[in-house]
Amino acid sequence: MAQREIYNLYIKAMFNTALRIVGDREEAEDVMQESFLDGFMKIGMFRGESTFGAWLKSIVVNKSIAKLRSRRVVLEEIDDKMELTFLDDIDDDFEEKMETIEKVKKAIGSLPNGFRLVLSLYLFEGYDHQEIGNILGISEVTSRSQYIRGKSKLLELLKVAQ
């Protein structure tokens, strides 16, 4: 009974986290099931040092990354520095905003896995580059490079979608 309540409380947020990282609905559902199973089986390992949601989210993130690794995501070492411009011309009209959100979701979904992973961990999950480097086993510089290149590619895709 308590497990069902926990599941219902966290399923949407955890699914969205998995989906942003793996980029595929079915794989995100698989990640969710595995994550909740692991969470319930390892509940004794929860020490209360963070919220239960944060602990469960770390399981979801790690399972999502493992799913990507099984697809052989390649993260390249890059030292390029790129200047980025941001799209500032978003009308206040609600429908236009919703259309923009859909374009952004679609563009993020079409990014290469490495870019999408780093962008998702940084922008949506709130990890910094040092944490992302630790999670992915890459350097902080690589995380920053992937983020810069991913954001640049995202902006290109959004300009084309206009």
C-alpha atoms as a PDB file:
ATOM      1  CA  MET A   1       0.000   0.000   0.000  1.00  0.00           C
ATOM      2  CA  ALA A   2       2.753   2.480   0.936  1.00  0.00           C
ATOM      3  CA  GLN A   3       4.732   1.508  -2.158  1.00  0.00           C
ATOM      4  CA  ARG A   4       1.732   2.332  -4.359  1.00  0.00           C
ATOM      5  CA  GLU A   5       1.459   5.779  -2.740  1.00  0.00           C
ATOM      6  CA  ILE A   6       5.176   6.436  -3.251  1.00  0.00           C
ATOM      7  CA  TYR A   7       4.915   5.245  -6.839  1.00  0.00           C
ATOM      8  CA  ASN A   8       1.922   7.525  -7.527  1.00  0.00           C
ATOM      9  CA  LEU A   9       3.638  10.468  -5.855  1.00  0.00           C
ATOM     10  CA  TYR A  10       6.869  10.251  -7.871  1.00  0.00           C
ATOM     11  CA  ILE A  11       6.008   8.510 -11.153  1.00  0.00           C
ATOM     12  CA  LYS A  12       5.412  11.604 -13.298  1.00  0.00           C
ATOM     13  CA  ALA A  13       8.527  13.515 -12.226  1.00  0.00           C
ATOM     14  CA  MET A  14      10.762  10.449 -12.452  1.00  0.00           C
ATOM     15  CA  PHE A  15       9.350   9.473 -15.851  1.00  0.00           C
ATOM     16  CA  ASN A  16      10.027  12.977 -17.175  1.00  0.00           C
ATOM     17  CA  THR A  17      13.603  12.778 -15.875  1.00  0.00           C
ATOM     18  CA  ALA A  18      14.154   9.424 -17.582  1.00  0.00           C
ATOM     19  CA  LEU A  19      12.517  10.602 -20.810  1.00  0.00           C
ATOM     20  CA  ARG A  20      14.685  13.727 -21.002  1.00  0.00           C
ATOM     21  CA  ILE A  21      17.806  11.610 -20.645  1.00  0.00           C
ATOM     22  CA  VAL A  22      17.044   8.569 -22.803  1.00  0.00           C
ATOM     23  CA  GLY A  23      14.840  10.403 -25.311  1.00  0.00           C
ATOM     24  CA  ASP A  24      12.573   7.434 -25.967  1.00  0.00           C
ATOM     25  CA  ARG A  25       9.213   6.849 -24.285  1.00  0.00           C
ATOM     26  CA  GLU A  26       9.443   3.052 -24.147  1.00  0.00           C
ATOM     27  CA  GLU A  27      12.989   3.094 -22.807  1.00  0.00           C
ATOM     28  CA  ALA A  28      11.965   5.714 -20.227  1.00  0.00           C
ATOM     29  CA  GLU A  29       9.143   3.411 -19.096  1.00  0.00           C
ATOM     30  CA  ASP A  30      11.642   0.544 -18.756  1.00  0.00           C
ATOM     31  CA  VAL A  31      13.974   2.783 -16.760  1.00  0.00           C
ATOM     32  CA  MET A  32      11.064   3.764 -14.507  1.00  0.00           C
ATOM     33  CA  GLN A  33      10.095   0.198 -13.725  1.00  0.00           C
ATOM     34  CA  GLU A  34      13.703  -0.807 -13.010  1.00  0.00           C
ATOM     35  CA  SER A  35      14.257   2.296 -10.886  1.00  0.00           C
ATOM     36  CA  PHE A  36      11.207   1.830  -8.710  1.00  0.00           C
ATOM     37  CA  LEU A  37      12.007  -1.862  -8.265  1.00  0.00           C
ATOM     38  CA  ASP A  38      15.561  -1.006  -7.224  1.00  0.00           C
ATOM     39  CA  GLY A  39      14.333   1.760  -4.965  1.00  0.00           C
ATOM     40  CA  PHE A  40      11.879  -0.497  -3.175  1.00  0.00           C
ATOM     41  CA  MET A  41      14.380  -3.365  -2.914  1.00  0.00           C
ATOM     42  CA  LYS A  42      17.122  -1.066  -1.591  1.00  0.00           C
ATOM     43  CA  ILE A  43      14.949   1.099   0.661  1.00  0.00           C
ATOM     44  CA  GLY A  44      17.143   0.032   3.579  1.00  0.00           C
ATOM     45  CA  MET A  45      20.047   1.892   1.949  1.00  0.00           C
ATOM     46  CA  PHE A  46      18.153   5.207   2.097  1.00  0.00           C
ATOM     47  CA  ARG A  47      19.897   7.114   4.886  1.00  0.00           C
ATOM     48  CA  GLY A  48      17.753  10.232   4.951  1.00  0.00           C
ATOM     49  CA  GLU A  49      20.709  12.455   3.998  1.00  0.00           C
ATOM     50  CA  SER A  50      18.508  13.880   1.230  1.00  0.00           C
ATOM     51  CA  THR A  51      14.826  13.703   0.440  1.00  0.00           C
ATOM     52  CA  PHE A  52      13.467  10.368  -0.698  1.00  0.00           C
ATOM     53  CA  GLY A  53      12.633  11.990  -4.051  1.00  0.00           C
ATOM     54  CA  ALA A  54      16.238  13.107  -4.546  1.00  0.00           C
ATOM     55  CA  TRP A  55      17.481   9.616  -3.667  1.00  0.00           C
ATOM     56  CA  LEU A  56      15.021   8.005  -6.087  1.00  0.00           C
ATOM     57  CA  LYS A  57      15.941  10.556  -8.768  1.00  0.00           C
ATOM     58  CA  SER A  58      19.597   9.553  -8.475  1.00  0.00           C
ATOM     59  CA  ILE A  59      18.551   5.958  -9.155  1.00  0.00           C
ATOM     60  CA  VAL A  60      16.534   7.092 -12.200  1.00  0.00           C
ATOM     61  CA  VAL A  61      19.424   9.199 -13.524  1.00  0.00           C
ATOM     62  CA  ASN A  62      21.919   6.347 -13.087  1.00  0.00           C
ATOM     63  CA  LYS A  63      19.592   3.810 -14.735  1.00  0.00           C
ATOM     64  CA  SER A  64      18.952   6.255 -17.610  1.00  0.00           C
ATOM     65  CA  ILE A  65      22.667   6.751 -18.133  1.00  0.00           C
ATOM     66  CA  ALA A  66      23.207   2.988 -18.062  1.00  0.00           C
ATOM     67  CA  LYS A  67      20.507   2.647 -20.731  1.00  0.00           C
ATOM     68  CA  LEU A  68      22.325   5.201 -22.897  1.00  0.00           C
ATOM     69  CA  ARG A  69      25.660   3.500 -22.321  1.00  0.00           C
ATOM     70  CA  SER A  70      24.141   0.283 -23.550  1.00  0.00           C
ATOM     71  CA  ARG A  71      23.556   2.210 -26.787  1.00  0.00           C
ATOM     72  CA  ARG A  72      27.220   3.288 -26.718  1.00  0.00           C
ATOM     73  CA  VAL A  73      26.887   7.048 -26.269  1.00  0.00           C
ATOM     74  CA  VAL A  74      30.096   8.766 -27.322  1.00  0.00           C
ATOM     75  CA  LEU A  75      31.202  11.884 -25.474  1.00  0.00           C
ATOM     76  CA  GLU A  76      34.023  13.672 -27.214  1.00  0.00           C
ATOM     77  CA  GLU A  77      36.806  15.680 -25.585  1.00  0.00           C
ATOM     78  CA  ILE A  78      36.594  19.171 -27.047  1.00  0.00           C
ATOM     79  CA  ASP A  79      38.296  22.395 -26.114  1.00  0.00           C
ATOM     80  CA  ASP A  80      36.401  24.646 -28.523  1.00  0.00           C
ATOM     81  CA  LYS A  81      34.815  27.777 -27.186  1.00  0.00           C
ATOM     82  CA  MET A  82      31.707  28.882 -28.960  1.00  0.00           C
ATOM     83  CA  GLU A  83      29.738  32.037 -28.590  1.00  0.00           C
ATOM     84  CA  LEU A  84      26.037  31.430 -28.302  1.00  0.00           C
ATOM     85  CA  THR A  85      23.099  33.648 -28.925  1.00  0.00           C
ATOM     86  CA  PHE A  86      19.725  33.011 -27.428  1.00  0.00           C
ATOM     87  CA  LEU A  87      16.318  33.235 -28.947  1.00  0.00           C
ATOM     88  CA  ASP A  88      14.666  36.215 -27.242  1.00  0.00           C
ATOM     89  CA  ASP A  89      11.731  36.824 -29.534  1.00  0.00           C
ATOM     90  CA  ILE A  90       9.016  34.764 -27.882  1.00  0.00           C
ATOM     91  CA  ASP A  91       5.577  36.366 -28.066  1.00  0.00           C
ATOM     92  CA  ASP A  92       3.451  36.500 -24.936  1.00  0.00           C
ATOM     93  CA  ASP A  93       0.672  34.641 -26.695  1.00  0.00           C
ATOM     94  CA  PHE A  94      -0.015  31.361 -24.887  1.00  0.00           C
ATOM     95  CA  GLU A  95      -0.542  29.281 -28.023  1.00  0.00           C
ATOM     96  CA  GLU A  96       2.704  30.515 -29.503  1.00  0.00           C
ATOM     97  CA  LYS A  97       4.505  29.636 -26.256  1.00  0.00           C
ATOM     98  CA  MET A  98       3.039  26.147 -26.324  1.00  0.00           C
ATOM     99  CA  GLU A  99       4.140  25.754 -29.948  1.00  0.00           C
ATOM    100  CA  THR A 100       7.615  26.932 -28.961  1.00  0.00           C
ATOM    101  CA  ILE A 101       7.739  24.435 -26.089  1.00  0.00           C
ATOM    102  CA  GLU A 102       6.830  21.632 -28.488  1.00  0.00           C
ATOM    103  CA  LYS A 103       9.537  22.744 -30.921  1.00  0.00           C
ATOM    104  CA  VAL A 104      12.108  22.778 -28.112  1.00  0.00           C
ATOM    105  CA  LYS A 105      11.053  19.305 -26.926  1.00  0.00           C
ATOM    106  CA  LYS A 106      11.278  17.979 -30.476  1.00  0.00           C
ATOM    107  CA  ALA A 107      14.663  19.632 -31.034  1.00  0.00           C
ATOM    108  CA  ILE A 108      16.057  18.261 -27.764  1.00  0.00           C
ATOM    109  CA  GLY A 109      14.768  14.816 -28.705  1.00  0.00           C
ATOM    110  CA  SER A 110      16.634  14.957 -32.001  1.00  0.00           C
ATOM    111  CA  LEU A 111      19.997  15.870 -30.442  1.00  0.00           C
ATOM    112  CA  PRO A 112      22.736  13.235 -30.348  1.00  0.00           C
ATOM    113  CA  ASN A 113      22.577  11.255 -27.106  1.00  0.00           C
ATOM    114  CA  GLY A 114      25.691  12.794 -25.553  1.00  0.00           C
ATOM    115  CA  PHE A 115      24.471  16.342 -26.076  1.00  0.00           C
ATOM    116  CA  ARG A 116      20.948  15.524 -24.874  1.00  0.00           C
ATOM    117  CA  LEU A 117      22.285  13.764 -21.795  1.00  0.00           C
ATOM    118  CA  VAL A 118      24.536  16.602 -20.645  1.00  0.00           C
ATOM    119  CA  LEU A 119      21.940  19.283 -21.480  1.00  0.00           C
ATOM    120  CA  SER A 120      19.250  17.382 -19.577  1.00  0.00           C
ATOM    121  CA  LEU A 121      21.421  16.786 -16.531  1.00  0.00           C
ATOM    122  CA  TYR A 122      22.543  20.420 -16.453  1.00  0.00           C
ATOM    123  CA  LEU A 123      19.408  22.324 -17.452  1.00  0.00           C
ATOM    124  CA  PHE A 124      16.593  20.136 -16.196  1.00  0.00           C
ATOM    125  CA  GLU A 125      18.073  18.103 -13.369  1.00  0.00           C
ATOM    126  CA  GLY A 126      20.224  20.879 -11.893  1.00  0.00           C
ATOM    127  CA  TYR A 127      23.565  19.088 -11.818  1.00  0.00           C
ATOM    128  CA  ASP A 128      26.722  21.166 -12.240  1.00  0.00           C
ATOM    129  CA  HIS A 129      29.507  20.165 -14.623  1.00  0.00           C
ATOM    130  CA  GLN A 130      31.646  18.614 -11.908  1.00  0.00           C
ATOM    131  CA  GLU A 131      28.718  16.401 -10.824  1.00  0.00           C
ATOM    132  CA  ILE A 132      27.928  15.497 -14.427  1.00  0.00           C
ATOM    133  CA  GLY A 133      31.572  14.578 -14.964  1.00  0.00           C
ATOM    134  CA  ASN A 134      31.476  12.308 -11.901  1.00  0.00           C
ATOM    135  CA  ILE A 135      28.206  10.683 -12.961  1.00  0.00           C
ATOM    136  CA  LEU A 136      29.352  10.045 -16.531  1.00  0.00           C
ATOM    137  CA  GLY A 137      32.999   9.323 -15.816  1.00  0.00           C
ATOM    138  CA  ILE A 138      34.200  12.240 -17.942  1.00  0.00           C
ATOM    139  CA  SER A 139      36.130  15.383 -17.152  1.00  0.00           C
ATOM    140  CA  GLU A 140      34.434  18.608 -16.132  1.00  0.00           C
ATOM    141  CA  VAL A 141      35.858  20.180 -19.308  1.00  0.00           C
ATOM    142  CA  THR A 142      34.211  17.488 -21.433  1.00  0.00           C
ATOM    143  CA  SER A 143      30.903  18.100 -19.687  1.00  0.00           C
ATOM    144  CA  ARG A 144      31.166  21.828 -20.372  1.00  0.00           C
ATOM    145  CA  SER A 145      32.147  21.193 -23.998  1.00  0.00           C
ATOM    146  CA  GLN A 146      29.262  18.802 -24.552  1.00  0.00           C
ATOM    147  CA  TYR A 147      26.924  21.356 -22.979  1.00  0.00           C
ATOM    148  CA  ILE A 148      28.196  24.214 -25.172  1.00  0.00           C
ATOM    149  CA  ARG A 149      28.076  22.124 -28.339  1.00  0.00           C
ATOM    150  CA  GLY A 150      24.680  20.683 -27.424  1.00  0.00           C
ATOM    151  CA  LYS A 151      23.222  24.111 -26.728  1.00  0.00           C
ATOM    152  CA  SER A 152      24.653  25.423 -30.006  1.00  0.00           C
ATOM    153  CA  LYS A 153      23.164  22.482 -31.923  1.00  0.00           C
ATOM    154  CA  LEU A 154      19.839  22.996 -30.150  1.00  0.00           C
ATOM    155  CA  LEU A 155      19.791  26.652 -31.180  1.00  0.00           C
ATOM    156  CA  GLU A 156      20.535  25.649 -34.787  1.00  0.00           C
ATOM    157  CA  LEU A 157      17.660  23.189 -34.760  1.00  0.00           C
ATOM    158  CA  LEU A 158      15.321  25.785 -33.288  1.00  0.00           C
ATOM    159  CA  LYS A 159      16.279  28.358 -35.939  1.00  0.00           C
ATOM    160  CA  VAL A 160      15.537  25.826 -38.684  1.00  0.00           C
ATOM    161  CA  ALA A 161      12.164  24.995 -37.063  1.00  0.00           C
ATOM    162  CA  GLN A 162      11.017  28.635 -37.168  1.00  0.00           C
END
